[in-house]
Amino acid sequence: MARNANLRKQTLTYFFSVEGETEKWYLDWLENQINAAPEAKYKVKIKADVQPDPVSYGKKLTVQSKTTVWHLSDIEGSSREQIQGVESTISRLKDVKKLGKAITYKWGYSNLSFDLWMILHKHSCNAELANVDGYLRHINSAFSASFESMKKYKEEANFKRCLGELSLADVKTAIDRAKNIMLRNQRDGYPLTQYKGYAYYIHNPSLDLWQPIEAMLQECGLI
């Protein structure tokens, strides 16, 4: 009976544009985890494309009704050049409206990078880091690994081995830890930067990509 009921589950579709392969691999993994959960109210289809430019993604996306798309990207530092990169991404998010499609583009960022989100599944990570390479020791600790570089960790086989150590329970833990980071930033008085209707912390660690993931789990009755 349970098997037949699972086959009748309605499918919810979610759309993402992401900057790199690791984000796509993660979302593919998450789709499989949700669909394998017998307690999930729905099945999901997560359509994630590696496309750093939101406008390019919006142009090729065919929509029949109002559609929300999340763009996941990194804030890899606080230099003027890096902040200009963030502002450019936000401007492209706004430019999607000019396409005349019923697309609402939301932004889920990680500061310094998506690697912070991965670490939070296993460990807290509250220290401010000078650059992305600073995550390496946290990655190795979280996944009981000995990667010699972030590049090595991000190789497909290595990254997917790390994914294999995660569960939906870890995802829920990561959401809680991410929320605590943002609450602490607010409590400590770090300024929230506003640009063209989007908000972010220049200070790291900070991230809000947990929002679409939490929403998915809530809609599926897993939280």
N, C-alpha and C. Protein backbone atom coordinates (compact mmCIF):
# COMPACT_ATOMS: atom_id res chain seq x y z
N MET A 1 0.83 -1.21 0.00
CA MET A 1 0.00 0.00 0.00
C MET A 1 0.86 1.26 0.00
N ALA A 2 1.88 1.27 0.83
CA ALA A 2 2.74 2.45 0.92
C ALA A 2 3.44 2.71 -0.41
N ARG A 3 3.84 1.60 -1.08
CA ARG A 3 4.52 1.77 -2.35
C ARG A 3 3.59 2.38 -3.39
N ASN A 4 2.37 1.89 -3.44
CA ASN A 4 1.40 2.43 -4.40
C ASN A 4 1.08 3.89 -4.11
N ALA A 5 0.96 4.22 -2.82
CA ALA A 5 0.68 5.61 -2.44
C ALA A 5 1.81 6.52 -2.89
N ASN A 6 3.05 6.02 -2.78
CA ASN A 6 4.20 6.82 -3.17
C ASN A 6 4.17 7.12 -4.67
N LEU A 7 3.73 6.14 -5.47
CA LEU A 7 3.67 6.34 -6.91
C LEU A 7 2.65 7.41 -7.30
N ARG A 8 1.67 7.63 -6.44
CA ARG A 8 0.63 8.61 -6.75
C ARG A 8 0.96 10.01 -6.26
N LYS A 9 2.11 10.18 -5.67
CA LYS A 9 2.46 11.50 -5.16
C LYS A 9 2.54 12.52 -6.30
N GLN A 10 2.01 13.71 -6.02
CA GLN A 10 2.15 14.82 -6.96
C GLN A 10 3.61 15.27 -6.97
N THR A 11 4.06 15.77 -8.11
CA THR A 11 5.43 16.25 -8.23
C THR A 11 5.47 17.77 -8.23
N LEU A 12 6.29 18.34 -7.36
CA LEU A 12 6.53 19.78 -7.31
C LEU A 12 7.84 20.07 -8.03
N THR A 13 7.85 21.12 -8.84
CA THR A 13 9.04 21.47 -9.61
C THR A 13 9.66 22.75 -9.09
N TYR A 14 10.98 22.73 -8.95
CA TYR A 14 11.73 23.89 -8.47
C TYR A 14 12.83 24.22 -9.47
N PHE A 15 13.08 25.52 -9.64
CA PHE A 15 14.03 25.98 -10.65
C PHE A 15 15.19 26.72 -9.99
N PHE A 16 16.40 26.37 -10.42
CA PHE A 16 17.61 27.01 -9.90
C PHE A 16 18.58 27.27 -11.05
N SER A 17 19.24 28.42 -11.00
CA SER A 17 20.45 28.63 -11.78
C SER A 17 21.58 28.73 -10.76
N VAL A 18 22.70 28.10 -11.07
CA VAL A 18 23.80 28.03 -10.10
C VAL A 18 25.11 28.36 -10.80
N GLU A 19 26.09 28.75 -10.00
CA GLU A 19 27.37 29.18 -10.57
C GLU A 19 28.30 28.02 -10.90
N GLY A 20 28.17 26.92 -10.15
CA GLY A 20 29.15 25.85 -10.34
C GLY A 20 28.56 24.46 -10.28
N GLU A 21 29.38 23.48 -10.63
CA GLU A 21 28.94 22.10 -10.66
C GLU A 21 28.59 21.57 -9.27
N THR A 22 29.32 22.00 -8.23
CA THR A 22 29.05 21.44 -6.91
C THR A 22 27.64 21.77 -6.44
N GLU A 23 27.17 22.96 -6.74
CA GLU A 23 25.81 23.33 -6.37
C GLU A 23 24.79 22.44 -7.09
N LYS A 24 25.03 22.18 -8.37
CA LYS A 24 24.12 21.32 -9.13
C LYS A 24 24.16 19.90 -8.58
N TRP A 25 25.34 19.38 -8.31
CA TRP A 25 25.44 18.02 -7.76
C TRP A 25 24.70 17.93 -6.43
N TYR A 26 24.81 18.98 -5.63
CA TYR A 26 24.12 18.98 -4.35
C TYR A 26 22.60 18.95 -4.55
N LEU A 27 22.09 19.78 -5.44
CA LEU A 27 20.64 19.83 -5.65
C LEU A 27 20.12 18.53 -6.27
N ASP A 28 20.92 17.92 -7.14
CA ASP A 28 20.54 16.60 -7.67
C ASP A 28 20.45 15.58 -6.54
N TRP A 29 21.42 15.63 -5.64
CA TRP A 29 21.42 14.74 -4.47
C TRP A 29 20.19 15.00 -3.60
N LEU A 30 19.89 16.28 -3.39
CA LEU A 30 18.75 16.63 -2.53
C LEU A 30 17.45 16.12 -3.13
N GLU A 31 17.29 16.24 -4.43
CA GLU A 31 16.11 15.71 -5.10
C GLU A 31 15.96 14.21 -4.81
N ASN A 32 17.04 13.48 -4.94
CA ASN A 32 16.99 12.04 -4.70
C ASN A 32 16.64 11.73 -3.25
N GLN A 33 17.18 12.52 -2.32
CA GLN A 33 16.90 12.28 -0.91
C GLN A 33 15.43 12.52 -0.57
N ILE A 34 14.88 13.59 -1.09
CA ILE A 34 13.46 13.89 -0.82
C ILE A 34 12.57 12.81 -1.44
N ASN A 35 12.88 12.42 -2.67
CA ASN A 35 12.05 11.44 -3.35
C ASN A 35 12.16 10.05 -2.73
N ALA A 36 13.23 9.80 -2.01
CA ALA A 36 13.40 8.50 -1.35
C ALA A 36 12.78 8.47 0.04
N ALA A 37 12.33 9.64 0.52
CA ALA A 37 11.76 9.72 1.87
C ALA A 37 10.29 9.31 1.84
N PRO A 38 9.93 8.19 2.45
CA PRO A 38 8.53 7.74 2.39
C PRO A 38 7.56 8.72 3.05
N GLU A 39 8.06 9.52 3.99
CA GLU A 39 7.18 10.45 4.70
C GLU A 39 6.94 11.75 3.93
N ALA A 40 7.65 11.96 2.81
CA ALA A 40 7.45 13.17 2.01
C ALA A 40 6.06 13.18 1.39
N LYS A 41 5.38 14.32 1.48
CA LYS A 41 4.03 14.44 0.92
C LYS A 41 4.05 14.50 -0.60
N TYR A 42 5.15 14.99 -1.16
CA TYR A 42 5.26 15.15 -2.61
C TYR A 42 6.59 14.59 -3.10
N LYS A 43 6.63 14.29 -4.37
CA LYS A 43 7.90 14.09 -5.04
C LYS A 43 8.35 15.45 -5.58
N VAL A 44 9.64 15.59 -5.85
CA VAL A 44 10.15 16.86 -6.35
C VAL A 44 10.97 16.64 -7.61
N LYS A 45 10.97 17.67 -8.45
CA LYS A 45 11.88 17.76 -9.58
C LYS A 45 12.61 19.07 -9.45
N ILE A 46 13.92 18.99 -9.19
CA ILE A 46 14.74 20.19 -9.05
C ILE A 46 15.50 20.40 -10.35
N LYS A 47 15.10 21.41 -11.10
CA LYS A 47 15.74 21.71 -12.37
C LYS A 47 16.83 22.75 -12.13
N ALA A 48 18.06 22.26 -12.00
CA ALA A 48 19.20 23.13 -11.69
C ALA A 48 20.16 23.15 -12.87
N ASP A 49 20.42 24.33 -13.38
CA ASP A 49 21.36 24.49 -14.49
C ASP A 49 22.56 25.30 -14.03
N VAL A 50 23.75 24.87 -14.47
CA VAL A 50 24.94 25.67 -14.23
C VAL A 50 24.92 26.83 -15.21
N GLN A 51 24.51 27.99 -14.71
CA GLN A 51 24.37 29.18 -15.54
C GLN A 51 24.58 30.41 -14.65
N PRO A 52 25.79 30.99 -14.69
CA PRO A 52 26.08 32.14 -13.83
C PRO A 52 25.26 33.38 -14.16
N ASP A 53 24.73 33.45 -15.38
CA ASP A 53 24.01 34.65 -15.80
C ASP A 53 22.50 34.42 -15.75
N PRO A 54 21.79 35.07 -14.83
CA PRO A 54 20.34 34.87 -14.71
C PRO A 54 19.57 35.20 -15.98
N VAL A 55 20.01 36.20 -16.73
CA VAL A 55 19.28 36.57 -17.95
C VAL A 55 19.36 35.45 -18.98
N SER A 56 20.52 34.86 -19.13
CA SER A 56 20.67 33.75 -20.07
C SER A 56 19.77 32.59 -19.68
N TYR A 57 19.69 32.32 -18.38
CA TYR A 57 18.81 31.25 -17.91
C TYR A 57 17.35 31.61 -18.18
N GLY A 58 16.98 32.84 -17.88
CA GLY A 58 15.60 33.28 -18.07
C GLY A 58 15.17 33.22 -19.53
N LYS A 59 16.09 33.53 -20.45
CA LYS A 59 15.75 33.51 -21.88
C LYS A 59 15.36 32.12 -22.35
N LYS A 60 16.01 31.10 -21.83
CA LYS A 60 15.74 29.75 -22.33
C LYS A 60 14.65 29.02 -21.54
N LEU A 61 14.22 29.63 -20.43
CA LEU A 61 13.22 28.98 -19.59
C LEU A 61 11.82 29.23 -20.15
N THR A 62 11.09 28.17 -20.43
CA THR A 62 9.71 28.27 -20.89
C THR A 62 8.78 28.16 -19.69
N VAL A 63 7.97 29.18 -19.48
CA VAL A 63 7.06 29.18 -18.34
C VAL A 63 5.63 29.38 -18.82
N GLN A 64 4.71 28.64 -18.21
CA GLN A 64 3.30 28.74 -18.55
C GLN A 64 2.53 29.59 -17.54
N SER A 65 3.12 29.77 -16.36
CA SER A 65 2.48 30.54 -15.30
C SER A 65 3.57 31.16 -14.44
N LYS A 66 3.19 31.86 -13.38
CA LYS A 66 4.16 32.50 -12.51
C LYS A 66 5.15 31.47 -11.96
N THR A 67 6.42 31.75 -12.15
CA THR A 67 7.46 30.80 -11.79
C THR A 67 8.55 31.49 -10.97
N THR A 68 8.93 30.87 -9.86
CA THR A 68 10.02 31.38 -9.04
C THR A 68 11.30 30.63 -9.37
N VAL A 69 12.36 31.38 -9.59
CA VAL A 69 13.68 30.80 -9.83
C VAL A 69 14.63 31.34 -8.78
N TRP A 70 15.45 30.45 -8.22
CA TRP A 70 16.48 30.87 -7.28
C TRP A 70 17.84 30.83 -7.97
N HIS A 71 18.58 31.90 -7.81
CA HIS A 71 19.95 31.95 -8.32
C HIS A 71 20.90 31.82 -7.13
N LEU A 72 21.77 30.81 -7.16
CA LEU A 72 22.73 30.58 -6.09
C LEU A 72 24.11 31.06 -6.53
N SER A 73 24.70 31.94 -5.74
CA SER A 73 26.03 32.44 -6.07
C SER A 73 26.80 32.77 -4.81
N ASP A 74 28.09 33.02 -4.99
CA ASP A 74 29.00 33.26 -3.87
C ASP A 74 29.40 34.72 -3.77
N ILE A 75 29.70 35.14 -2.54
CA ILE A 75 30.35 36.42 -2.29
C ILE A 75 31.73 36.06 -1.74
N GLU A 76 32.74 36.11 -2.56
CA GLU A 76 34.02 35.51 -2.20
C GLU A 76 34.98 36.48 -1.52
N GLY A 77 34.48 37.61 -1.09
CA GLY A 77 35.33 38.57 -0.40
C GLY A 77 34.70 39.94 -0.38
N SER A 78 35.40 40.87 0.23
CA SER A 78 34.84 42.21 0.41
C SER A 78 35.62 43.29 -0.34
N SER A 79 36.49 42.88 -1.26
CA SER A 79 37.22 43.89 -2.05
C SER A 79 36.24 44.60 -2.97
N ARG A 80 36.63 45.75 -3.46
CA ARG A 80 35.75 46.50 -4.35
C ARG A 80 35.42 45.70 -5.60
N GLU A 81 36.43 45.01 -6.13
CA GLU A 81 36.21 44.20 -7.33
C GLU A 81 35.20 43.08 -7.06
N GLN A 82 35.31 42.44 -5.90
CA GLN A 82 34.39 41.36 -5.57
C GLN A 82 32.97 41.87 -5.36
N ILE A 83 32.83 43.02 -4.72
CA ILE A 83 31.50 43.59 -4.50
C ILE A 83 30.90 44.06 -5.82
N GLN A 84 31.72 44.55 -6.72
CA GLN A 84 31.22 44.90 -8.05
C GLN A 84 30.67 43.67 -8.76
N GLY A 85 31.30 42.51 -8.53
CA GLY A 85 30.80 41.26 -9.10
C GLY A 85 29.44 40.90 -8.54
N VAL A 86 29.26 41.11 -7.23
CA VAL A 86 27.97 40.86 -6.60
C VAL A 86 26.91 41.79 -7.18
N GLU A 87 27.25 43.06 -7.30
CA GLU A 87 26.30 44.04 -7.84
C GLU A 87 25.94 43.73 -9.28
N SER A 88 26.89 43.22 -10.04
CA SER A 88 26.61 42.83 -11.42
C SER A 88 25.62 41.68 -11.46
N THR A 89 25.79 40.70 -10.58
CA THR A 89 24.86 39.57 -10.51
C THR A 89 23.46 40.06 -10.16
N ILE A 90 23.37 40.94 -9.17
CA ILE A 90 22.07 41.46 -8.76
C ILE A 90 21.42 42.24 -9.91
N SER A 91 22.20 43.02 -10.63
CA SER A 91 21.66 43.78 -11.77
C SER A 91 21.09 42.84 -12.82
N ARG A 92 21.76 41.73 -13.05
CA ARG A 92 21.26 40.75 -14.02
C ARG A 92 19.99 40.08 -13.51
N LEU A 93 19.89 39.88 -12.21
CA LEU A 93 18.65 39.35 -11.64
C LEU A 93 17.48 40.30 -11.93
N LYS A 94 17.73 41.58 -11.77
CA LYS A 94 16.69 42.59 -12.04
C LYS A 94 16.36 42.65 -13.53
N ASP A 95 17.38 42.44 -14.37
CA ASP A 95 17.18 42.54 -15.82
C ASP A 95 16.26 41.46 -16.36
N VAL A 96 16.10 40.36 -15.61
CA VAL A 96 15.23 39.28 -16.07
C VAL A 96 13.81 39.79 -16.29
N LYS A 97 13.39 40.77 -15.51
CA LYS A 97 12.04 41.33 -15.67
C LYS A 97 11.82 41.90 -17.07
N LYS A 98 12.89 42.36 -17.70
CA LYS A 98 12.78 42.96 -19.02
C LYS A 98 12.44 41.93 -20.09
N LEU A 99 12.56 40.64 -19.74
CA LEU A 99 12.25 39.59 -20.72
C LEU A 99 10.75 39.45 -20.94
N GLY A 100 9.97 40.01 -20.02
CA GLY A 100 8.52 39.94 -20.16
C GLY A 100 7.92 38.60 -19.81
N LYS A 101 8.68 37.77 -19.11
CA LYS A 101 8.18 36.47 -18.69
C LYS A 101 7.72 36.53 -17.24
N ALA A 102 6.85 35.59 -16.88
CA ALA A 102 6.31 35.55 -15.52
C ALA A 102 7.28 34.87 -14.57
N ILE A 103 8.51 35.42 -14.50
CA ILE A 103 9.57 34.83 -13.67
C ILE A 103 9.89 35.78 -12.51
N THR A 104 9.85 35.25 -11.31
CA THR A 104 10.34 35.98 -10.14
C THR A 104 11.68 35.37 -9.75
N TYR A 105 12.73 36.18 -9.82
CA TYR A 105 14.07 35.68 -9.55
C TYR A 105 14.47 36.05 -8.12
N LYS A 106 14.81 35.03 -7.33
CA LYS A 106 15.30 35.26 -5.98
C LYS A 106 16.77 34.86 -5.91
N TRP A 107 17.43 35.37 -4.89
CA TRP A 107 18.88 35.18 -4.79
C TRP A 107 19.22 34.49 -3.48
N GLY A 108 19.97 33.40 -3.59
CA GLY A 108 20.48 32.72 -2.40
C GLY A 108 21.99 32.77 -2.43
N TYR A 109 22.58 33.51 -1.52
CA TYR A 109 24.03 33.70 -1.57
C TYR A 109 24.74 32.95 -0.44
N SER A 110 26.02 32.73 -0.66
CA SER A 110 26.91 32.19 0.38
C SER A 110 28.12 33.10 0.46
N ASN A 111 28.51 33.43 1.66
CA ASN A 111 29.67 34.28 1.90
C ASN A 111 30.55 33.59 2.95
N LEU A 112 31.64 32.99 2.56
CA LEU A 112 32.37 33.26 1.34
C LEU A 112 31.91 32.42 0.13
N SER A 113 31.51 31.18 0.36
CA SER A 113 31.18 30.31 -0.77
C SER A 113 30.24 29.19 -0.35
N PHE A 114 29.78 28.45 -1.35
CA PHE A 114 28.88 27.31 -1.13
C PHE A 114 29.49 26.27 -0.20
N ASP A 115 30.80 26.25 -0.12
CA ASP A 115 31.49 25.30 0.76
C ASP A 115 31.07 25.48 2.22
N LEU A 116 30.75 26.71 2.60
CA LEU A 116 30.25 26.97 3.95
C LEU A 116 28.99 26.16 4.21
N TRP A 117 28.08 26.15 3.25
CA TRP A 117 26.83 25.40 3.39
C TRP A 117 27.11 23.91 3.58
N MET A 118 28.05 23.39 2.81
CA MET A 118 28.39 21.97 2.95
C MET A 118 28.92 21.66 4.34
N ILE A 119 29.79 22.50 4.85
CA ILE A 119 30.36 22.29 6.18
C ILE A 119 29.28 22.26 7.25
N LEU A 120 28.28 23.14 7.12
CA LEU A 120 27.25 23.28 8.15
C LEU A 120 26.40 22.01 8.31
N HIS A 121 26.44 21.12 7.35
CA HIS A 121 25.73 19.85 7.51
C HIS A 121 26.33 18.99 8.62
N LYS A 122 27.63 19.21 8.88
CA LYS A 122 28.32 18.37 9.86
C LYS A 122 28.88 19.14 11.05
N HIS A 123 29.30 20.39 10.82
CA HIS A 123 29.94 21.17 11.86
C HIS A 123 29.44 22.61 11.84
N SER A 124 29.53 23.29 12.96
CA SER A 124 29.38 24.74 12.96
C SER A 124 30.62 25.35 12.32
N CYS A 125 30.46 26.54 11.75
CA CYS A 125 31.60 27.22 11.13
C CYS A 125 31.36 28.72 11.29
N ASN A 126 31.81 29.26 12.39
CA ASN A 126 31.46 30.63 12.76
C ASN A 126 32.59 31.63 12.60
N ALA A 127 33.79 31.16 12.30
CA ALA A 127 34.93 32.07 12.25
C ALA A 127 34.98 32.81 10.91
N GLU A 128 35.35 34.08 10.97
CA GLU A 128 35.57 34.85 9.75
C GLU A 128 36.85 34.36 9.08
N LEU A 129 36.80 34.14 7.77
CA LEU A 129 37.95 33.63 7.03
C LEU A 129 38.44 34.67 6.03
N ALA A 130 39.74 34.62 5.75
CA ALA A 130 40.33 35.58 4.82
C ALA A 130 40.01 35.25 3.38
N ASN A 131 39.87 33.95 3.07
CA ASN A 131 39.58 33.54 1.70
C ASN A 131 38.99 32.14 1.70
N VAL A 132 38.56 31.69 0.54
CA VAL A 132 37.86 30.41 0.41
C VAL A 132 38.75 29.24 0.80
N ASP A 133 40.06 29.36 0.59
CA ASP A 133 40.96 28.26 0.93
C ASP A 133 40.91 27.93 2.43
N GLY A 134 40.46 28.90 3.21
CA GLY A 134 40.35 28.67 4.65
C GLY A 134 39.32 27.62 5.02
N TYR A 135 38.45 27.27 4.08
CA TYR A 135 37.45 26.24 4.35
C TYR A 135 38.03 24.83 4.31
N LEU A 136 39.23 24.66 3.75
CA LEU A 136 39.75 23.32 3.52
C LEU A 136 39.84 22.50 4.81
N ARG A 137 40.38 23.08 5.87
CA ARG A 137 40.50 22.30 7.10
C ARG A 137 39.14 21.95 7.68
N HIS A 138 38.15 22.83 7.48
CA HIS A 138 36.80 22.56 7.97
C HIS A 138 36.15 21.44 7.15
N ILE A 139 36.38 21.45 5.83
CA ILE A 139 35.88 20.38 4.97
C ILE A 139 36.49 19.04 5.38
N ASN A 140 37.80 19.02 5.56
CA ASN A 140 38.48 17.78 5.93
C ASN A 140 37.99 17.27 7.28
N SER A 141 37.75 18.17 8.20
CA SER A 141 37.24 17.77 9.52
C SER A 141 35.81 17.26 9.43
N ALA A 142 34.97 17.98 8.68
CA ALA A 142 33.56 17.62 8.59
C ALA A 142 33.35 16.26 7.94
N PHE A 143 34.18 15.94 6.94
CA PHE A 143 33.97 14.72 6.17
C PHE A 143 35.07 13.68 6.39
N SER A 144 35.84 13.87 7.47
CA SER A 144 36.91 12.92 7.81
C SER A 144 37.78 12.62 6.60
N ALA A 145 38.19 13.69 5.94
CA ALA A 145 38.95 13.56 4.69
C ALA A 145 40.33 14.19 4.85
N SER A 146 41.12 14.07 3.81
CA SER A 146 42.46 14.67 3.82
C SER A 146 42.76 15.27 2.45
N PHE A 147 41.79 16.02 1.91
CA PHE A 147 42.01 16.69 0.63
C PHE A 147 43.15 17.69 0.77
N GLU A 148 44.04 17.71 -0.23
CA GLU A 148 45.17 18.63 -0.14
C GLU A 148 44.85 20.02 -0.65
N SER A 149 43.68 20.17 -1.30
CA SER A 149 43.29 21.48 -1.82
C SER A 149 41.79 21.53 -2.00
N MET A 150 41.24 22.73 -2.10
CA MET A 150 39.81 22.87 -2.38
C MET A 150 39.50 22.34 -3.78
N LYS A 151 40.42 22.50 -4.70
CA LYS A 151 40.21 21.98 -6.05
C LYS A 151 40.04 20.47 -6.02
N LYS A 152 40.85 19.79 -5.21
CA LYS A 152 40.75 18.34 -5.10
C LYS A 152 39.40 17.93 -4.50
N TYR A 153 38.98 18.63 -3.47
CA TYR A 153 37.69 18.35 -2.83
C TYR A 153 36.54 18.49 -3.82
N LYS A 154 36.65 19.43 -4.75
CA LYS A 154 35.55 19.71 -5.68
C LYS A 154 35.56 18.81 -6.91
N GLU A 155 36.53 17.90 -7.01
CA GLU A 155 36.48 16.92 -8.08
C GLU A 155 35.22 16.07 -7.89
N GLU A 156 34.59 15.70 -9.00
CA GLU A 156 33.26 15.08 -8.92
C GLU A 156 33.22 13.87 -8.00
N ALA A 157 34.15 12.96 -8.13
CA ALA A 157 34.12 11.74 -7.30
C ALA A 157 34.28 12.08 -5.83
N ASN A 158 35.16 13.02 -5.52
CA ASN A 158 35.38 13.39 -4.12
C ASN A 158 34.18 14.10 -3.53
N PHE A 159 33.62 15.04 -4.30
CA PHE A 159 32.48 15.79 -3.79
C PHE A 159 31.28 14.86 -3.58
N LYS A 160 31.06 13.97 -4.52
CA LYS A 160 29.92 13.07 -4.39
C LYS A 160 30.13 12.06 -3.26
N ARG A 161 31.38 11.75 -2.95
CA ARG A 161 31.62 10.91 -1.77
C ARG A 161 31.19 11.64 -0.51
N CYS A 162 31.47 12.94 -0.46
CA CYS A 162 31.03 13.75 0.69
C CYS A 162 29.51 13.78 0.77
N LEU A 163 28.85 13.94 -0.38
CA LEU A 163 27.39 13.92 -0.39
C LEU A 163 26.85 12.60 0.14
N GLY A 164 27.56 11.52 -0.15
CA GLY A 164 27.12 10.21 0.31
C GLY A 164 27.12 10.05 1.81
N GLU A 165 27.80 10.96 2.50
CA GLU A 165 27.84 10.91 3.96
C GLU A 165 26.73 11.75 4.60
N LEU A 166 25.92 12.40 3.76
CA LEU A 166 24.89 13.30 4.28
C LEU A 166 23.51 12.65 4.25
N SER A 167 22.62 13.19 5.06
CA SER A 167 21.23 12.74 5.13
C SER A 167 20.33 13.97 5.21
N LEU A 168 19.02 13.74 5.09
CA LEU A 168 18.08 14.85 5.26
C LEU A 168 18.16 15.44 6.66
N ALA A 169 18.48 14.62 7.64
CA ALA A 169 18.66 15.14 9.00
C ALA A 169 19.81 16.14 9.03
N ASP A 170 20.87 15.86 8.28
CA ASP A 170 21.99 16.80 8.20
C ASP A 170 21.57 18.10 7.52
N VAL A 171 20.71 18.01 6.52
CA VAL A 171 20.22 19.21 5.84
C VAL A 171 19.46 20.10 6.83
N LYS A 172 18.62 19.49 7.64
CA LYS A 172 17.87 20.25 8.65
C LYS A 172 18.81 20.91 9.65
N THR A 173 19.86 20.19 10.02
CA THR A 173 20.86 20.76 10.93
C THR A 173 21.56 21.94 10.29
N ALA A 174 21.91 21.81 9.00
CA ALA A 174 22.57 22.91 8.28
C ALA A 174 21.68 24.14 8.23
N ILE A 175 20.39 23.94 8.03
CA ILE A 175 19.45 25.07 8.01
C ILE A 175 19.48 25.79 9.35
N ASP A 176 19.42 25.04 10.43
CA ASP A 176 19.44 25.65 11.77
C ASP A 176 20.74 26.41 12.01
N ARG A 177 21.85 25.82 11.63
CA ARG A 177 23.14 26.49 11.83
C ARG A 177 23.25 27.75 10.98
N ALA A 178 22.74 27.69 9.75
CA ALA A 178 22.77 28.88 8.88
C ALA A 178 21.92 30.00 9.48
N LYS A 179 20.75 29.65 9.98
CA LYS A 179 19.89 30.66 10.61
C LYS A 179 20.60 31.30 11.81
N ASN A 180 21.28 30.49 12.59
CA ASN A 180 21.99 31.02 13.76
C ASN A 180 23.10 31.97 13.35
N ILE A 181 23.78 31.68 12.25
CA ILE A 181 24.81 32.59 11.75
C ILE A 181 24.20 33.95 11.41
N MET A 182 23.07 33.94 10.73
CA MET A 182 22.44 35.19 10.33
C MET A 182 21.89 35.95 11.54
N LEU A 183 21.35 35.23 12.50
CA LEU A 183 20.86 35.88 13.72
C LEU A 183 22.01 36.51 14.49
N ARG A 184 23.15 35.83 14.52
CA ARG A 184 24.30 36.37 15.23
C ARG A 184 24.83 37.62 14.53
N ASN A 185 24.85 37.61 13.20
CA ASN A 185 25.29 38.80 12.47
C ASN A 185 24.40 40.00 12.78
N GLN A 186 23.09 39.72 12.86
CA GLN A 186 22.15 40.78 13.20
C GLN A 186 22.37 41.27 14.62
N ARG A 187 22.53 40.33 15.54
CA ARG A 187 22.73 40.68 16.94
C ARG A 187 24.02 41.46 17.16
N ASP A 188 25.06 41.10 16.40
CA ASP A 188 26.36 41.76 16.55
C ASP A 188 26.43 43.09 15.82
N GLY A 189 25.37 43.45 15.12
CA GLY A 189 25.29 44.77 14.51
C GLY A 189 25.99 44.93 13.18
N TYR A 190 26.26 43.84 12.49
CA TYR A 190 26.88 43.98 11.17
C TYR A 190 25.87 44.60 10.21
N PRO A 191 26.31 45.55 9.40
CA PRO A 191 25.36 46.22 8.50
C PRO A 191 24.91 45.30 7.37
N LEU A 192 23.63 45.37 7.07
CA LEU A 192 23.06 44.61 5.96
C LEU A 192 23.08 45.51 4.72
N THR A 193 23.82 45.12 3.72
CA THR A 193 23.96 45.91 2.50
C THR A 193 22.73 45.71 1.61
N GLN A 194 22.16 46.80 1.14
CA GLN A 194 21.00 46.77 0.25
C GLN A 194 21.43 47.23 -1.14
N TYR A 195 21.02 46.47 -2.15
CA TYR A 195 21.32 46.87 -3.52
C TYR A 195 20.21 46.39 -4.43
N LYS A 196 19.50 47.35 -5.02
CA LYS A 196 18.44 47.07 -5.99
C LYS A 196 17.41 46.05 -5.48
N GLY A 197 17.08 46.19 -4.21
CA GLY A 197 16.03 45.34 -3.65
C GLY A 197 16.53 44.03 -3.07
N TYR A 198 17.81 43.76 -3.16
CA TYR A 198 18.38 42.55 -2.58
C TYR A 198 19.28 42.95 -1.41
N ALA A 199 19.39 42.07 -0.42
CA ALA A 199 20.15 42.39 0.78
C ALA A 199 21.16 41.28 1.07
N TYR A 200 22.32 41.68 1.59
CA TYR A 200 23.35 40.69 1.93
C TYR A 200 24.33 41.29 2.94
N TYR A 201 25.00 40.40 3.64
CA TYR A 201 26.08 40.81 4.54
C TYR A 201 27.41 40.70 3.81
N ILE A 202 28.18 41.77 3.84
CA ILE A 202 29.54 41.71 3.32
C ILE A 202 30.41 40.88 4.26
N HIS A 203 30.07 40.91 5.54
CA HIS A 203 30.80 40.14 6.55
C HIS A 203 30.59 38.65 6.34
N ASN A 204 31.65 37.87 6.51
CA ASN A 204 31.51 36.42 6.49
C ASN A 204 31.85 35.85 7.87
N PRO A 205 31.21 34.73 8.25
CA PRO A 205 30.30 33.93 7.43
C PRO A 205 28.89 34.52 7.40
N SER A 206 28.24 34.37 6.26
CA SER A 206 26.82 34.70 6.13
C SER A 206 26.29 33.95 4.92
N LEU A 207 25.02 33.65 4.94
CA LEU A 207 24.41 32.92 3.82
C LEU A 207 22.91 32.90 3.99
N ASP A 208 22.21 32.89 2.85
CA ASP A 208 20.76 32.72 2.91
C ASP A 208 20.24 31.71 1.89
N LEU A 209 21.15 30.91 1.33
CA LEU A 209 20.68 29.89 0.38
C LEU A 209 19.89 28.79 1.07
N TRP A 210 19.89 28.81 2.40
CA TRP A 210 19.07 27.84 3.14
C TRP A 210 17.58 28.08 2.91
N GLN A 211 17.21 29.29 2.51
CA GLN A 211 15.79 29.62 2.41
C GLN A 211 15.02 28.74 1.41
N PRO A 212 15.50 28.60 0.15
CA PRO A 212 14.73 27.74 -0.77
C PRO A 212 14.76 26.28 -0.35
N ILE A 213 15.83 25.86 0.29
CA ILE A 213 15.93 24.46 0.72
C ILE A 213 14.97 24.20 1.87
N GLU A 214 14.89 25.12 2.81
CA GLU A 214 13.92 24.98 3.89
C GLU A 214 12.50 24.98 3.33
N ALA A 215 12.22 25.86 2.37
CA ALA A 215 10.88 25.93 1.78
C ALA A 215 10.49 24.61 1.12
N MET A 216 11.44 23.98 0.42
CA MET A 216 11.17 22.69 -0.21
C MET A 216 10.80 21.64 0.84
N LEU A 217 11.61 21.57 1.88
CA LEU A 217 11.36 20.57 2.92
C LEU A 217 10.03 20.82 3.62
N GLN A 218 9.70 22.09 3.83
CA GLN A 218 8.42 22.43 4.45
C GLN A 218 7.25 22.02 3.56
N GLU A 219 7.34 22.34 2.26
CA GLU A 219 6.26 22.00 1.34
C GLU A 219 6.06 20.49 1.25
N CYS A 220 7.15 19.75 1.41
CA CYS A 220 7.07 18.29 1.33
C CYS A 220 6.74 17.64 2.67
N GLY A 221 6.50 18.48 3.70
CA GLY A 221 6.13 17.95 5.00
C GLY A 221 7.27 17.27 5.73
N LEU A 222 8.51 17.65 5.39
CA LEU A 222 9.68 17.03 6.02
C LEU A 222 10.24 17.86 7.16
N ILE A 223 9.68 19.03 7.35
CA ILE A 223 10.03 19.88 8.51
C ILE A 223 8.73 20.22 9.22
